[in-house]
PDB file of all heavy atoms in Angstrom:
ATOM      1  N   LEU A   1    -100.344  84.281   6.136  1.00  0.00           N
ATOM      2  CA  LEU A   1    -100.426  84.942   4.833  1.00  0.00           C
ATOM      3  C   LEU A   1    -100.725  86.433   5.025  1.00  0.00           C
ATOM      4  O   LEU A   1    -101.635  86.781   5.789  1.00  0.00           O
ATOM      5  CB  LEU A   1    -101.537  84.328   3.979  1.00  0.00           C
ATOM      6  CG  LEU A   1    -101.308  82.957   3.361  1.00  0.00           C
ATOM      7  CD1 LEU A   1    -102.580  82.503   2.657  1.00  0.00           C
ATOM      8  CD2 LEU A   1    -100.153  82.998   2.380  1.00  0.00           C
ATOM      9  N   PRO A   2    -100.003  87.315   4.331  1.00  0.00           N
ATOM     10  CA  PRO A   2    -100.347  88.741   4.369  1.00  0.00           C
ATOM     11  C   PRO A   2    -101.728  88.960   3.748  1.00  0.00           C
ATOM     12  O   PRO A   2    -102.014  88.444   2.651  1.00  0.00           O
ATOM     13  CB  PRO A   2     -99.245  89.397   3.532  1.00  0.00           C
ATOM     14  CG  PRO A   2     -98.149  88.390   3.464  1.00  0.00           C
ATOM     15  CD  PRO A   2     -98.806  87.057   3.520  1.00  0.00           C
ATOM     16  N   VAL A   3    -102.560  89.712   4.402  1.00  0.00           N
ATOM     17  CA  VAL A   3    -103.917  89.914   3.918  1.00  0.00           C
ATOM     18  C   VAL A   3    -103.942  90.684   2.607  1.00  0.00           C
ATOM     19  O   VAL A   3    -104.891  90.572   1.820  1.00  0.00           O
ATOM     20  CB  VAL A   3    -104.759  90.641   4.994  1.00  0.00           C
ATOM     21  CG1 VAL A   3    -104.332  92.097   5.135  1.00  0.00           C
ATOM     22  CG2 VAL A   3    -106.242  90.553   4.684  1.00  0.00           C
ATOM     23  N   ILE A   4    -102.885  91.435   2.339  1.00  0.00           N
ATOM     24  CA  ILE A   4    -102.841  92.238   1.112  1.00  0.00           C
ATOM     25  C   ILE A   4    -102.853  91.357  -0.137  1.00  0.00           C
ATOM     26  O   ILE A   4    -103.198  91.809  -1.232  1.00  0.00           O
ATOM     27  CB  ILE A   4    -101.603  93.163   1.117  1.00  0.00           C
ATOM     28  CG1 ILE A   4    -101.728  94.234   0.038  1.00  0.00           C
ATOM     29  CG2 ILE A   4    -100.331  92.346   0.927  1.00  0.00           C
ATOM     30  CD1 ILE A   4    -100.648  95.288   0.106  1.00  0.00           C
ATOM     31  N   ASN A   5    -102.482  90.081   0.019  1.00  0.00           N
ATOM     32  CA  ASN A   5    -102.443  89.167  -1.128  1.00  0.00           C
ATOM     33  C   ASN A   5    -103.755  88.432  -1.358  1.00  0.00           C
ATOM     34  O   ASN A   5    -103.856  87.621  -2.290  1.00  0.00           O
ATOM     35  CB  ASN A   5    -101.332  88.122  -0.937  1.00  0.00           C
ATOM     36  CG  ASN A   5     -99.949  88.740  -0.938  1.00  0.00           C
ATOM     37  OD1 ASN A   5     -99.720  89.734  -1.616  1.00  0.00           O
ATOM     38  ND2 ASN A   5     -99.037  88.162  -0.180  1.00  0.00           N
ATOM     39  N   LEU A   6    -104.766  88.685  -0.528  1.00  0.00           N
ATOM     40  CA  LEU A   6    -105.999  87.906  -0.581  1.00  0.00           C
ATOM     41  C   LEU A   6    -107.181  88.729  -1.063  1.00  0.00           C
ATOM     42  O   LEU A   6    -107.319  89.907  -0.725  1.00  0.00           O
ATOM     43  CB  LEU A   6    -106.331  87.340   0.805  1.00  0.00           C
ATOM     44  CG  LEU A   6    -105.374  86.297   1.381  1.00  0.00           C
ATOM     45  CD1 LEU A   6    -105.790  85.934   2.795  1.00  0.00           C
ATOM     46  CD2 LEU A   6    -105.327  85.056   0.512  1.00  0.00           C
ATOM     47  N   GLU A   7    -108.063  88.082  -1.844  1.00  0.00           N
ATOM     48  CA  GLU A   7    -109.340  88.696  -2.196  1.00  0.00           C
ATOM     49  C   GLU A   7    -110.511  87.903  -1.630  1.00  0.00           C
ATOM     50  O   GLU A   7    -111.650  88.354  -1.680  1.00  0.00           O
ATOM     51  CB  GLU A   7    -109.487  88.815  -3.708  1.00  0.00           C
ATOM     52  CG  GLU A   7    -109.548  87.492  -4.457  1.00  0.00           C
ATOM     53  CD  GLU A   7    -109.706  87.702  -5.953  1.00  0.00           C
ATOM     54  OE1 GLU A   7    -109.751  88.875  -6.383  1.00  0.00           O
ATOM     55  OE2 GLU A   7    -109.776  86.698  -6.682  1.00  0.00           O
ATOM     56  N   GLY A   8    -110.238  86.712  -1.097  1.00  0.00           N
ATOM     57  CA  GLY A   8    -111.315  85.913  -0.536  1.00  0.00           C
ATOM     58  C   GLY A   8    -110.784  84.782   0.317  1.00  0.00           C
ATOM     59  O   GLY A   8    -109.650  84.323   0.154  1.00  0.00           O
ATOM     60  N   ILE A   9    -111.615  84.336   1.266  1.00  0.00           N
ATOM     61  CA  ILE A   9    -111.320  83.177   2.113  1.00  0.00           C
ATOM     62  C   ILE A   9    -112.568  82.307   2.131  1.00  0.00           C
ATOM     63  O   ILE A   9    -113.673  82.785   2.430  1.00  0.00           O
ATOM     64  CB  ILE A   9    -110.946  83.588   3.553  1.00  0.00           C
ATOM     65  CG1 ILE A   9    -109.748  84.549   3.562  1.00  0.00           C
ATOM     66  CG2 ILE A   9    -110.647  82.363   4.406  1.00  0.00           C
ATOM     67  CD1 ILE A   9    -109.424  85.101   4.954  1.00  0.00           C
ATOM     68  N   VAL A  10    -112.392  81.032   1.799  1.00  0.00           N
ATOM     69  CA  VAL A  10    -113.502  80.079   1.815  1.00  0.00           C
ATOM     70  C   VAL A  10    -113.158  78.989   2.819  1.00  0.00           C
ATOM     71  O   VAL A  10    -112.146  78.291   2.675  1.00  0.00           O
ATOM     72  CB  VAL A  10    -113.738  79.470   0.420  1.00  0.00           C
ATOM     73  CG1 VAL A  10    -114.899  78.482   0.461  1.00  0.00           C
ATOM     74  CG2 VAL A  10    -114.018  80.568  -0.601  1.00  0.00           C
ATOM     75  N   CYS A  11    -114.006  78.855   3.844  1.00  0.00           N
ATOM     76  CA  CYS A  11    -113.711  77.946   4.960  1.00  0.00           C
ATOM     77  C   CYS A  11    -114.605  76.710   4.921  1.00  0.00           C
ATOM     78  O   CYS A  11    -115.834  76.814   4.949  1.00  0.00           O
ATOM     79  CB  CYS A  11    -113.926  78.667   6.289  1.00  0.00           C
ATOM     80  SG  CYS A  11    -112.833  80.080   6.560  1.00  0.00           S
ATOM     81  N   PHE A  12    -113.955  75.534   4.864  1.00  0.00           N
ATOM     82  CA  PHE A  12    -114.655  74.258   5.019  1.00  0.00           C
ATOM     83  C   PHE A  12    -114.387  73.683   6.411  1.00  0.00           C
ATOM     84  O   PHE A  12    -114.801  72.574   6.709  1.00  0.00           O
ATOM     85  CB  PHE A  12    -114.166  73.252   3.969  1.00  0.00           C
ATOM     86  CG  PHE A  12    -114.418  73.667   2.546  1.00  0.00           C
ATOM     87  CD1 PHE A  12    -113.511  74.459   1.862  1.00  0.00           C
ATOM     88  CD2 PHE A  12    -115.570  73.263   1.886  1.00  0.00           C
ATOM     89  CE1 PHE A  12    -113.734  74.826   0.541  1.00  0.00           C
ATOM     90  CE2 PHE A  12    -115.796  73.635   0.568  1.00  0.00           C
ATOM     91  CZ  PHE A  12    -114.886  74.421  -0.099  1.00  0.00           C
ATOM     92  N   ASN A  13    -113.675  74.424   7.241  1.00  0.00           N
ATOM     93  CA  ASN A  13    -113.259  73.921   8.545  1.00  0.00           C
ATOM     94  C   ASN A  13    -114.393  73.975   9.554  1.00  0.00           C
ATOM     95  O   ASN A  13    -115.404  74.664   9.366  1.00  0.00           O
ATOM     96  CB  ASN A  13    -112.054  74.710   9.053  1.00  0.00           C
ATOM     97  CG  ASN A  13    -112.328  76.203   9.124  1.00  0.00           C
ATOM     98  OD1 ASN A  13    -113.086  76.733   8.321  1.00  0.00           O
ATOM     99  ND2 ASN A  13    -111.702  76.886  10.064  1.00  0.00           N
ATOM    100  N   ASN A  14    -114.212  73.249  10.666  1.00  0.00           N
ATOM    101  CA  ASN A  14    -115.246  73.192  11.701  1.00  0.00           C
ATOM    102  C   ASN A  14    -115.106  74.278  12.753  1.00  0.00           C
ATOM    103  O   ASN A  14    -116.080  74.651  13.401  1.00  0.00           O
ATOM    104  CB  ASN A  14    -115.209  71.824  12.399  1.00  0.00           C
ATOM    105  CG  ASN A  14    -115.527  70.681  11.458  1.00  0.00           C
ATOM    106  OD1 ASN A  14    -116.294  70.842  10.515  1.00  0.00           O
ATOM    107  ND2 ASN A  14    -114.936  69.516  11.717  1.00  0.00           N
ATOM    108  N   LEU A  15    -113.895  74.812  12.921  1.00  0.00           N
ATOM    109  CA  LEU A  15    -113.632  75.724  14.033  1.00  0.00           C
ATOM    110  C   LEU A  15    -113.849  77.186  13.685  1.00  0.00           C
ATOM    111  O   LEU A  15    -113.938  78.030  14.574  1.00  0.00           O
ATOM    112  CB  LEU A  15    -112.206  75.516  14.547  1.00  0.00           C
ATOM    113  CG  LEU A  15    -111.892  74.100  15.040  1.00  0.00           C
ATOM    114  CD1 LEU A  15    -110.458  74.023  15.559  1.00  0.00           C
ATOM    115  CD2 LEU A  15    -112.873  73.677  16.132  1.00  0.00           C
ATOM    116  N   GLY A  16    -113.901  77.518  12.388  1.00  0.00           N
ATOM    117  CA  GLY A  16    -114.231  78.883  11.997  1.00  0.00           C
ATOM    118  C   GLY A  16    -113.079  79.855  12.091  1.00  0.00           C
ATOM    119  O   GLY A  16    -111.910  79.505  11.899  1.00  0.00           O
ATOM    120  N   ALA A  17    -113.418  81.112  12.461  1.00  0.00           N
ATOM    121  CA  ALA A  17    -112.432  82.188  12.468  1.00  0.00           C
ATOM    122  C   ALA A  17    -112.735  83.150  13.611  1.00  0.00           C
ATOM    123  O   ALA A  17    -113.882  83.243  14.078  1.00  0.00           O
ATOM    124  CB  ALA A  17    -112.455  82.932  11.136  1.00  0.00           C
ATOM    125  N   SER A  18    -111.717  83.881  14.020  1.00  0.00           N
ATOM    126  CA  SER A  18    -111.899  84.832  15.120  1.00  0.00           C
ATOM    127  C   SER A  18    -112.708  86.045  14.663  1.00  0.00           C
ATOM    128  O   SER A  18    -112.733  86.383  13.475  1.00  0.00           O
ATOM    129  CB  SER A  18    -110.540  85.293  15.648  1.00  0.00           C
ATOM    130  OG  SER A  18    -109.941  86.193  14.732  1.00  0.00           O
ATOM    131  N   LYS A  19    -113.340  86.711  15.598  1.00  0.00           N
ATOM    132  CA  LYS A  19    -114.134  87.897  15.269  1.00  0.00           C
ATOM    133  C   LYS A  19    -113.250  89.021  14.735  1.00  0.00           C
ATOM    134  O   LYS A  19    -113.691  89.852  13.941  1.00  0.00           O
ATOM    135  CB  LYS A  19    -114.927  88.362  16.476  1.00  0.00           C
ATOM    136  CG  LYS A  19    -114.089  88.778  17.675  1.00  0.00           C
ATOM    137  CD  LYS A  19    -114.976  89.130  18.866  1.00  0.00           C
ATOM    138  CE  LYS A  19    -114.149  89.516  20.084  1.00  0.00           C
ATOM    139  NZ  LYS A  19    -115.011  89.828  21.252  1.00  0.00           N
ATOM    140  N   TYR A  20    -111.989  89.049  15.162  1.00  0.00           N
ATOM    141  CA  TYR A  20    -111.080  90.095  14.697  1.00  0.00           C
ATOM    142  C   TYR A  20    -110.701  89.873  13.231  1.00  0.00           C
ATOM    143  O   TYR A  20    -110.559  90.831  12.466  1.00  0.00           O
ATOM    144  CB  TYR A  20    -109.835  90.132  15.588  1.00  0.00           C
ATOM    145  CG  TYR A  20    -110.176  90.418  17.032  1.00  0.00           C
ATOM    146  CD1 TYR A  20    -110.119  89.404  17.989  1.00  0.00           C
ATOM    147  CD2 TYR A  20    -110.592  91.686  17.439  1.00  0.00           C
ATOM    148  CE1 TYR A  20    -110.453  89.653  19.317  1.00  0.00           C
ATOM    149  CE2 TYR A  20    -110.935  91.943  18.763  1.00  0.00           C
ATOM    150  CZ  TYR A  20    -110.861  90.923  19.691  1.00  0.00           C
ATOM    151  OH  TYR A  20    -111.210  91.176  20.987  1.00  0.00           O
ATOM    152  N   LEU A  21    -110.539  88.609  12.843  1.00  0.00           N
ATOM    153  CA  LEU A  21    -110.280  88.321  11.439  1.00  0.00           C
ATOM    154  C   LEU A  21    -111.515  88.661  10.601  1.00  0.00           C
ATOM    155  O   LEU A  21    -111.407  89.236   9.520  1.00  0.00           O
ATOM    156  CB  LEU A  21    -109.906  86.856  11.249  1.00  0.00           C
ATOM    157  CG  LEU A  21    -109.703  86.420   9.792  1.00  0.00           C
ATOM    158  CD1 LEU A  21    -108.544  87.169   9.157  1.00  0.00           C
ATOM    159  CD2 LEU A  21    -109.483  84.922   9.688  1.00  0.00           C
ATOM    160  N   MET A  22    -112.686  88.322  11.116  1.00  0.00           N
ATOM    161  CA  MET A  22    -113.924  88.654  10.397  1.00  0.00           C
ATOM    162  C   MET A  22    -114.040  90.163  10.192  1.00  0.00           C
ATOM    163  O   MET A  22    -114.401  90.633   9.110  1.00  0.00           O
ATOM    164  CB  MET A  22    -115.147  88.144  11.173  1.00  0.00           C
ATOM    165  CG  MET A  22    -115.251  86.646  11.259  1.00  0.00           C
ATOM    166  SD  MET A  22    -116.764  86.159  12.136  1.00  0.00           S
ATOM    167  CE  MET A  22    -116.478  84.405  12.356  1.00  0.00           C
ATOM    168  N   ALA A  23    -113.708  90.927  11.234  1.00  0.00           N
ATOM    169  CA  ALA A  23    -113.793  92.387  11.137  1.00  0.00           C
ATOM    170  C   ALA A  23    -112.812  92.922  10.098  1.00  0.00           C
ATOM    171  O   ALA A  23    -113.147  93.816   9.310  1.00  0.00           O
ATOM    172  CB  ALA A  23    -113.522  93.016  12.500  1.00  0.00           C
ATOM    173  N   MET A  24    -111.605  92.374  10.069  1.00  0.00           N
ATOM    174  CA  MET A  24    -110.615  92.830   9.096  1.00  0.00           C
ATOM    175  C   MET A  24    -111.069  92.505   7.674  1.00  0.00           C
ATOM    176  O   MET A  24    -110.921  93.324   6.764  1.00  0.00           O
ATOM    177  CB  MET A  24    -109.252  92.193   9.379  1.00  0.00           C
ATOM    178  CG  MET A  24    -108.163  92.625   8.397  1.00  0.00           C
ATOM    179  SD  MET A  24    -106.492  92.083   8.850  1.00  0.00           S
ATOM    180  CE  MET A  24    -106.652  90.309   8.631  1.00  0.00           C
ATOM    181  N   CYS A  25    -111.621  91.316   7.468  1.00  0.00           N
ATOM    182  CA  CYS A  25    -112.095  90.940   6.134  1.00  0.00           C
ATOM    183  C   CYS A  25    -113.235  91.863   5.694  1.00  0.00           C
ATOM    184  O   CYS A  25    -113.285  92.298   4.538  1.00  0.00           O
ATOM    185  CB  CYS A  25    -112.557  89.487   6.137  1.00  0.00           C
ATOM    186  SG  CYS A  25    -111.217  88.284   6.260  1.00  0.00           S
ATOM    187  N   ALA A  26    -114.152  92.169   6.609  1.00  0.00           N
ATOM    188  CA  ALA A  26    -115.263  93.051   6.271  1.00  0.00           C
ATOM    189  C   ALA A  26    -114.767  94.452   5.934  1.00  0.00           C
ATOM    190  O   ALA A  26    -115.214  95.077   4.968  1.00  0.00           O
ATOM    191  CB  ALA A  26    -116.261  93.092   7.429  1.00  0.00           C
TER     192      ALA A  26
END
């Protein structure tokens, strides 16, 4: 998904997210 289309991500998963994705979201 292009990040430009998102205002939020809610994770119920066990594996989480990469630090680079976290940095981009922040």
